[in-house]
Amino acid sequence: MKMTQYERMEKELIYDPADPEIMGEQLPLQDKLWEFNQLKPSDLVKKQEYMHEVFAECGDNCYIELPLHANWGGHHLHLGSGVYANSNLTLVDDGHIYVADKVMIGPNVTITTAGHPIDPDLRARGLQYNKDVRIGENAWIGAGVIILPGVSIGKNAVIGAGSIVTHDIPDNVVAVGNPCRVLREVSEKDRVFFYKDERIDRENL
């Protein structure tokens, strides 16, 4: 039996995102996201209600600065606990995005799961495919970073501001650039200095 477009989407195959079954589920979520983005900064309870109702998963003590932009309203977003995302986070969440505990996301970050065929005839038909994205525990995604479909970022990794992440990044590294490359490992020096030659005053923390 031939798969539906929705089934093809779920299996990360090439599919038609304008299929009526898909749009019938997606559009109400976009309406809910619009309402979410109208909330005041003090509407903390309503923000949590949205995140726990709409997101695929949402752990404890997660916070997202508005506005949030998301193709599916965050419906395919899996958040661990203690995740913080700054304003203008853009999620192309046609596929699933997995964000582990204690991840920090800077402003104007884009996480995209959707791609389009290189073949011009297929692309002219508006077809696409999705590949899931994973971000490991305690990673820090700097301002303006773009993460492309299918990428995994390791735990404790730091992705420098403005980087474009086109391939997997391992645990415990600082990675920067376009395309994003490992610059160095997280080291003992990082336990002593927090910015250039400025020391961490641990006794006061």
Protein backbone atom coordinates (compact mmCIF):
# COMPACT_ATOMS: atom_id res chain seq x y z
CA MET A 1 0.00 0.00 0.00
CA LYS A 2 1.34 3.42 -0.97
CA MET A 3 2.46 5.61 1.94
CA THR A 4 0.69 8.88 2.59
CA GLN A 5 2.65 12.13 2.41
CA TYR A 6 2.39 12.37 6.19
CA GLU A 7 3.91 8.90 6.55
CA ARG A 8 6.68 9.85 4.13
CA MET A 9 7.37 12.95 6.24
CA GLU A 10 7.64 10.85 9.39
CA LYS A 11 10.09 8.46 7.70
CA GLU A 12 12.36 11.32 6.54
CA LEU A 13 11.63 10.61 2.86
CA ILE A 14 10.98 13.17 0.14
CA TYR A 15 7.39 14.36 0.50
CA ASP A 16 4.96 17.15 -0.31
CA PRO A 17 4.67 19.56 2.66
CA ALA A 18 1.57 21.15 1.11
CA ASP A 19 -0.39 17.90 1.43
CA PRO A 20 -3.85 18.65 2.95
CA GLU A 21 -3.40 16.18 5.82
CA ILE A 22 -0.12 17.82 6.78
CA MET A 23 -1.43 21.36 6.45
CA GLY A 24 -4.51 20.42 8.45
CA GLU A 25 -2.29 19.63 11.43
CA GLN A 26 0.34 22.34 10.88
CA LEU A 27 -1.84 25.44 10.46
CA PRO A 28 -3.61 25.23 13.85
CA LEU A 29 -0.20 24.93 15.50
CA GLN A 30 0.97 28.06 13.70
CA ASP A 31 -2.12 29.86 15.00
CA LYS A 32 -1.27 28.76 18.54
CA LEU A 33 2.30 29.99 18.05
CA TRP A 34 0.97 33.38 16.97
CA GLU A 35 -0.98 33.57 20.23
CA PHE A 36 2.10 32.46 22.20
CA ASN A 37 4.11 35.30 20.71
CA GLN A 38 1.53 37.85 21.91
CA LEU A 39 2.13 36.95 25.57
CA LYS A 40 3.63 39.54 27.89
CA PRO A 41 6.99 38.87 29.59
CA SER A 42 5.10 38.47 32.87
CA ASP A 43 2.80 35.73 31.47
CA LEU A 44 5.10 33.03 32.78
CA VAL A 45 2.37 30.49 33.56
CA LYS A 46 0.80 30.80 30.10
CA LYS A 47 4.22 30.40 28.48
CA GLN A 48 4.81 27.18 30.38
CA GLU A 49 1.34 25.93 29.47
CA TYR A 50 2.06 26.42 25.77
CA MET A 51 5.46 24.74 25.94
CA HIS A 52 4.11 21.68 27.77
CA GLU A 53 1.02 21.43 25.56
CA VAL A 54 2.54 21.99 22.12
CA PHE A 55 6.16 20.83 22.28
CA ALA A 56 6.86 17.14 21.76
CA GLU A 57 8.65 17.17 25.14
CA CYS A 58 9.45 19.90 27.64
CA GLY A 59 11.37 19.32 30.86
CA ASP A 60 11.46 21.48 33.98
CA ASN A 61 12.74 25.05 34.18
CA CYS A 62 12.85 25.75 30.45
CA TYR A 63 12.58 29.34 29.24
CA ILE A 64 12.23 30.83 25.77
CA GLU A 65 12.47 34.56 25.10
CA LEU A 66 9.83 35.64 22.60
CA PRO A 67 9.37 35.85 19.73
CA LEU A 68 9.75 32.22 18.70
CA HIS A 69 9.44 31.24 15.04
CA ALA A 70 8.65 27.62 14.19
CA ASN A 71 7.12 25.89 11.18
CA TRP A 72 5.17 23.53 13.44
CA GLY A 73 4.96 25.80 16.48
CA GLY A 74 7.57 23.68 18.24
CA HIS A 75 5.42 20.55 17.92
CA HIS A 76 8.49 18.50 16.95
CA LEU A 77 10.77 20.09 19.55
CA HIS A 78 12.05 17.88 22.39
CA LEU A 79 13.45 19.92 25.29
CA GLY A 80 15.26 18.49 28.27
CA SER A 81 15.33 20.39 31.58
CA GLY A 82 16.95 23.76 32.23
CA VAL A 83 17.06 24.82 28.57
CA TYR A 84 17.31 28.55 27.85
CA ALA A 85 16.73 30.07 24.42
CA ASN A 86 17.11 33.77 23.69
CA SER A 87 14.86 35.78 21.38
CA ASN A 88 14.23 35.15 17.68
CA LEU A 89 14.92 31.43 17.81
CA THR A 90 13.85 30.01 14.45
CA LEU A 91 12.96 26.33 14.28
CA VAL A 92 12.36 24.69 10.93
CA ASP A 93 10.81 21.87 12.92
CA ASP A 94 9.22 19.83 10.15
CA GLY A 95 11.53 17.11 11.47
CA HIS A 96 12.41 16.52 15.12
CA ILE A 97 14.82 18.67 17.12
CA TYR A 98 16.25 17.13 20.30
CA VAL A 99 17.76 19.55 22.82
CA ALA A 100 19.24 17.96 25.94
CA ASP A 101 19.41 19.34 29.50
CA LYS A 102 21.02 22.71 30.29
CA VAL A 103 21.54 23.79 26.68
CA MET A 104 21.91 27.55 26.18
CA ILE A 105 20.85 29.07 22.86
CA GLY A 106 21.80 32.65 21.95
CA PRO A 107 19.64 35.16 20.06
CA ASN A 108 18.84 34.81 16.36
CA VAL A 109 19.73 31.12 16.16
CA THR A 110 18.25 29.01 13.35
CA ILE A 111 17.85 25.24 13.70
CA THR A 112 16.64 23.69 10.48
CA THR A 113 15.61 20.10 9.81
CA ALA A 114 14.18 20.58 6.31
CA GLY A 115 16.03 20.37 3.03
CA HIS A 116 15.02 20.34 -0.63
CA PRO A 117 16.18 18.06 -3.44
CA ILE A 118 18.98 19.32 -5.65
CA ASP A 119 17.10 17.89 -8.63
CA PRO A 120 15.36 20.96 -10.13
CA ASP A 121 12.24 19.10 -11.26
CA LEU A 122 11.54 17.77 -7.76
CA ARG A 123 12.31 21.13 -6.19
CA ALA A 124 9.95 22.91 -8.62
CA ARG A 125 7.18 20.69 -7.22
CA GLY A 126 7.86 22.09 -3.74
CA LEU A 127 9.03 18.76 -2.35
CA GLN A 128 11.27 18.48 0.69
CA TYR A 129 12.78 16.04 3.17
CA ASN A 130 13.59 16.30 6.88
CA LYS A 131 16.56 15.09 8.91
CA ASP A 132 16.50 15.32 12.71
CA VAL A 133 18.88 17.58 14.67
CA ARG A 134 20.35 16.73 18.09
CA ILE A 135 22.06 19.05 20.58
CA GLY A 136 23.85 17.44 23.53
CA GLU A 137 23.68 18.25 27.21
CA ASN A 138 25.12 21.56 28.41
CA ALA A 139 26.03 22.77 24.92
CA TRP A 140 26.14 26.52 24.25
CA ILE A 141 24.93 27.70 20.85
CA GLY A 142 26.17 31.25 20.24
CA ALA A 143 24.26 34.16 18.73
CA GLY A 144 23.33 33.89 15.08
CA VAL A 145 24.33 30.25 14.66
CA ILE A 146 22.69 28.24 11.86
CA ILE A 147 22.40 24.47 12.34
CA LEU A 148 21.62 22.47 9.19
CA PRO A 149 19.54 19.29 8.83
CA GLY A 150 20.86 16.02 10.22
CA VAL A 151 23.53 17.60 12.43
CA SER A 152 24.39 16.37 15.95
CA ILE A 153 26.24 18.62 18.40
CA GLY A 154 28.01 16.96 21.33
CA LYS A 155 27.62 17.60 25.04
CA ASN A 156 29.50 20.57 26.52
CA ALA A 157 30.27 21.84 23.01
CA VAL A 158 30.47 25.59 22.40
CA ILE A 159 29.46 26.82 18.94
CA GLY A 160 30.85 30.29 18.25
CA ALA A 161 28.58 33.15 17.25
CA GLY A 162 27.68 33.29 13.57
CA SER A 163 28.83 29.75 12.80
CA ILE A 164 27.10 27.59 10.21
CA VAL A 165 27.08 24.00 11.41
CA THR A 166 27.03 21.65 8.43
CA HIS A 167 28.32 18.46 10.05
CA ASP A 168 28.49 16.73 13.45
CA ILE A 169 30.46 18.38 16.25
CA PRO A 170 31.96 16.14 19.00
CA ASP A 171 31.72 16.50 22.78
CA ASN A 172 33.81 18.98 24.77
CA VAL A 173 35.07 21.25 21.99
CA VAL A 174 34.88 24.86 20.91
CA ALA A 175 33.86 25.04 17.24
CA VAL A 176 33.51 28.12 15.04
CA GLY A 177 33.25 29.29 11.46
CA ASN A 178 31.56 28.71 8.14
CA PRO A 179 31.53 25.82 7.82
CA CYS A 180 31.85 25.27 11.57
CA ARG A 181 35.13 23.53 12.51
CA VAL A 182 36.61 22.42 15.80
CA LEU A 183 38.92 25.16 17.05
CA ARG A 184 40.14 23.43 20.23
CA GLU A 185 39.11 21.21 23.10
CA VAL A 186 37.54 22.57 26.26
CA SER A 187 40.57 22.72 28.59
CA GLU A 188 41.69 23.31 32.17
CA LYS A 189 42.36 26.93 31.21
CA ASP A 190 38.60 27.35 30.78
CA ARG A 191 38.21 26.54 34.47
CA VAL A 192 40.50 29.46 35.34
CA PHE A 193 39.55 32.22 32.89
CA PHE A 194 36.04 33.22 31.79
CA TYR A 195 37.02 35.91 29.23
CA LYS A 196 40.51 36.40 27.78
CA ASP A 197 42.76 36.94 30.84
CA GLU A 198 39.96 37.60 33.35
CA ARG A 199 39.95 35.00 36.11
CA ILE A 200 36.89 33.23 37.45
CA ASP A 201 36.39 34.26 41.10
CA ARG A 202 34.97 30.91 42.16
CA GLU A 203 35.08 31.82 45.84
CA ASN A 204 32.38 34.45 45.20
CA LEU A 205 30.13 32.29 43.03
